[in-house]
Amino acid sequence: MNRRAAAAVLLGCGLLLLAGSQPWVLTVREPAPGSLRTRGEVSGSALTPWVTALTLVAAAATLVALGSRRRWPLLLSTASLLGVCLGVVVTALDPTAAPAVGATVSSRTTGWLWVGLLAALLATGGALLATVTPRPTPTSERTSPVGAAPSAAAQRHEAERRASERAWRELGEGRDPTAPD
């Protein structure tokens, strides 16, 4: 997994967990007609409790993807974060869906909802980037940079390969490669 994409996912998940614990919606409620109105605030985790759970799943899957070569953790992380984005967007579009006691007279969103939305988009973008980026093959990670001196093990391996090729070539020409010259 691309480390930058993983950093974006983990940073977005951390910000989303922080934003989810803050008030997303400020409400004014009237418990009964004609009674005093009360102000209230509803946190992101109270509005959409499954967003926090999916964020934790996405963060854990990202950490698993960093340590493995499998594709399923990336897909799980991406799917979880798409669900998180959906939940935050639905909450942003309809803040009056906040749980309330009595009739809600008015409600408005706070900046934490938008921080949560940006964090969800950052994390989802990182997960999508990691999912569509081709993964390096195991051999490309072990090759040395151009111009670097080969290691002793690489030199031994190359000498053995050449000796084996020479033996097969001599056999193909009808000579015994084990006979003394």
Protein backbone atom coordinates (compact mmCIF):
# COMPACT_ATOMS: atom_id res chain seq x y z
CA MET A 1 0.00 0.00 0.00
CA ASN A 2 1.20 3.47 -0.82
CA ARG A 3 2.36 5.09 2.43
CA ARG A 4 1.05 8.52 1.46
CA ALA A 5 -2.38 7.12 0.74
CA ALA A 6 -2.31 5.26 4.06
CA ALA A 7 -1.30 8.46 5.85
CA ALA A 8 -4.23 10.29 4.22
CA VAL A 9 -6.64 7.54 5.27
CA LEU A 10 -5.37 7.44 8.86
CA LEU A 11 -5.29 11.24 9.16
CA GLY A 12 -8.82 11.46 7.78
CA CYS A 13 -10.03 8.73 10.15
CA GLY A 14 -8.44 10.47 13.13
CA LEU A 15 -10.00 13.82 12.22
CA LEU A 16 -13.34 12.14 11.64
CA LEU A 17 -13.25 10.49 15.06
CA LEU A 18 -12.40 13.85 16.62
CA ALA A 19 -15.13 15.67 14.70
CA GLY A 20 -17.65 12.93 15.50
CA SER A 21 -17.30 13.58 19.21
CA GLN A 22 -18.10 17.28 18.76
CA PRO A 23 -21.55 18.87 18.29
CA TRP A 24 -22.68 18.75 14.68
CA VAL A 25 -26.16 20.20 15.10
CA LEU A 26 -27.45 22.92 17.41
CA THR A 27 -31.18 22.69 18.04
CA VAL A 28 -33.93 24.69 19.67
CA ARG A 29 -36.68 22.44 21.01
CA GLU A 30 -40.12 23.02 22.43
CA PRO A 31 -41.00 19.98 24.61
CA ALA A 32 -44.68 20.90 24.63
CA PRO A 33 -46.67 23.60 22.84
CA GLY A 34 -46.36 26.86 24.75
CA SER A 35 -43.57 25.70 27.07
CA LEU A 36 -40.11 27.16 27.32
CA ARG A 37 -37.81 26.47 24.45
CA THR A 38 -34.55 24.73 25.22
CA ARG A 39 -31.31 24.77 23.34
CA GLY A 40 -29.48 21.56 22.67
CA GLU A 41 -26.62 20.14 20.73
CA VAL A 42 -26.24 16.77 19.11
CA SER A 43 -22.84 15.22 18.45
CA GLY A 44 -21.92 13.43 15.27
CA SER A 45 -21.73 10.08 17.03
CA ALA A 46 -25.27 10.56 18.37
CA LEU A 47 -26.59 11.45 14.90
CA THR A 48 -24.92 8.59 13.07
CA PRO A 49 -23.40 6.09 15.52
CA TRP A 50 -22.41 3.69 12.74
CA VAL A 51 -20.09 6.33 11.22
CA THR A 52 -17.72 5.95 14.18
CA ALA A 53 -17.78 2.17 13.86
CA LEU A 54 -17.10 2.26 10.12
CA THR A 55 -14.29 4.75 10.66
CA LEU A 56 -12.61 2.40 13.11
CA VAL A 57 -13.05 -0.51 10.69
CA ALA A 58 -11.48 1.56 7.88
CA ALA A 59 -8.52 2.58 10.06
CA ALA A 60 -7.92 -1.03 11.15
CA ALA A 61 -8.18 -2.31 7.56
CA THR A 62 -5.69 0.35 6.45
CA LEU A 63 -3.21 -0.78 9.09
CA VAL A 64 -3.68 -4.39 7.97
CA ALA A 65 -3.14 -3.33 4.35
CA LEU A 66 0.16 -1.70 5.30
CA GLY A 67 1.48 -5.00 6.57
CA SER A 68 0.10 -7.37 3.96
CA ARG A 69 0.03 -7.77 0.21
CA ARG A 70 -3.63 -8.72 0.05
CA ARG A 71 -6.27 -6.65 -1.70
CA TRP A 72 -9.21 -7.25 0.66
CA PRO A 73 -8.11 -4.79 3.40
CA LEU A 74 -8.01 -1.99 0.85
CA LEU A 75 -11.43 -2.91 -0.47
CA LEU A 76 -12.84 -3.11 3.07
CA SER A 77 -11.34 0.27 3.97
CA THR A 78 -12.69 1.88 0.80
CA ALA A 79 -16.18 0.42 1.24
CA SER A 80 -16.30 1.49 4.89
CA LEU A 81 -15.22 5.02 4.05
CA LEU A 82 -17.76 5.30 1.25
CA GLY A 83 -20.42 4.43 3.84
CA VAL A 84 -18.97 7.05 6.18
CA CYS A 85 -19.13 9.70 3.45
CA LEU A 86 -22.72 8.76 2.72
CA GLY A 87 -23.67 9.08 6.39
CA VAL A 88 -21.99 12.46 6.80
CA VAL A 89 -23.52 13.83 3.59
CA VAL A 90 -27.01 12.65 4.59
CA THR A 91 -26.58 14.32 7.97
CA ALA A 92 -25.37 17.54 6.33
CA LEU A 93 -28.35 17.57 3.96
CA ASP A 94 -30.93 16.92 6.70
CA PRO A 95 -29.79 18.18 10.11
CA THR A 96 -33.39 18.17 11.38
CA ALA A 97 -33.21 14.38 11.67
CA ALA A 98 -31.44 14.88 15.01
CA PRO A 99 -32.97 12.86 17.84
CA ALA A 100 -35.09 15.16 19.95
CA VAL A 101 -37.52 15.20 22.82
CA GLY A 102 -40.46 17.26 21.72
CA ALA A 103 -40.75 19.31 18.57
CA THR A 104 -37.61 20.79 17.11
CA VAL A 105 -38.28 24.44 16.34
CA SER A 106 -35.01 25.09 14.55
CA SER A 107 -31.68 23.47 13.93
CA ARG A 108 -28.43 24.48 12.30
CA THR A 109 -25.19 22.73 11.59
CA THR A 110 -21.86 23.60 13.18
CA GLY A 111 -18.41 23.73 11.66
CA TRP A 112 -17.60 20.30 13.10
CA LEU A 113 -19.99 18.70 10.64
CA TRP A 114 -18.03 20.21 7.78
CA VAL A 115 -14.72 19.20 9.36
CA GLY A 116 -16.12 15.67 9.55
CA LEU A 117 -17.20 15.82 5.91
CA LEU A 118 -13.77 17.03 4.77
CA ALA A 119 -12.07 14.36 6.90
CA ALA A 120 -14.32 11.68 5.40
CA LEU A 121 -13.53 12.90 1.89
CA LEU A 122 -9.79 12.95 2.65
CA ALA A 123 -9.86 9.42 4.03
CA THR A 124 -12.02 8.13 1.17
CA GLY A 125 -9.77 9.78 -1.40
CA GLY A 126 -6.72 8.15 0.16
CA ALA A 127 -8.43 4.75 0.21
CA LEU A 128 -9.51 5.08 -3.41
CA LEU A 129 -5.99 6.14 -4.40
CA ALA A 130 -4.52 3.13 -2.61
CA THR A 131 -7.07 0.82 -4.23
CA VAL A 132 -6.45 1.95 -7.82
CA THR A 133 -2.67 2.38 -7.54
CA PRO A 134 -0.85 -0.68 -8.87
CA ARG A 135 0.98 -2.58 -6.18
CA PRO A 136 4.69 -3.24 -6.67
CA THR A 137 5.75 -6.78 -7.39
CA PRO A 138 7.97 -8.46 -4.83
CA THR A 139 10.96 -8.52 -7.20
CA SER A 140 10.82 -4.80 -7.96
CA GLU A 141 11.23 -3.98 -4.28
CA ARG A 142 14.43 -6.03 -3.99
CA THR A 143 16.25 -4.76 -7.03
CA SER A 144 19.10 -2.39 -6.38
CA PRO A 145 19.14 1.10 -7.87
CA VAL A 146 20.93 1.68 -11.17
CA GLY A 147 24.68 1.98 -10.74
CA ALA A 148 24.79 0.34 -7.31
CA ALA A 149 27.32 -2.43 -6.77
CA PRO A 150 25.73 -5.87 -6.52
CA SER A 151 25.90 -7.59 -3.16
CA ALA A 152 28.04 -10.68 -2.52
CA ALA A 153 24.96 -12.90 -2.56
CA ALA A 154 23.89 -11.44 -5.90
CA GLN A 155 27.37 -12.05 -7.32
CA ARG A 156 27.31 -15.69 -6.14
CA HIS A 157 23.88 -16.19 -7.63
CA GLU A 158 25.00 -14.72 -10.95
CA ALA A 159 28.12 -16.96 -11.01
CA GLU A 160 25.98 -20.04 -10.32
CA ARG A 161 23.53 -19.04 -13.06
CA ARG A 162 26.34 -18.61 -15.59
CA ALA A 163 27.90 -21.98 -14.62
CA SER A 164 24.54 -23.69 -15.03
CA GLU A 165 24.02 -22.07 -18.44
CA ARG A 166 27.52 -23.15 -19.53
CA ALA A 167 26.84 -26.75 -18.40
CA TRP A 168 23.55 -26.89 -20.32
CA ARG A 169 25.17 -25.38 -23.41
CA GLU A 170 27.95 -28.04 -23.31
CA LEU A 171 25.35 -30.79 -22.90
CA GLY A 172 23.51 -29.41 -25.92
CA GLU A 173 26.71 -29.56 -27.93
CA GLY A 174 27.23 -33.19 -26.94
CA ARG A 175 30.11 -32.69 -24.50
CA ASP A 176 30.25 -33.85 -20.87
CA PRO A 177 30.38 -30.77 -18.62
CA THR A 178 31.72 -32.84 -15.70
CA ALA A 179 34.75 -34.19 -17.64
CA PRO A 180 38.08 -32.51 -16.90
CA ASP A 181 39.23 -30.20 -19.67
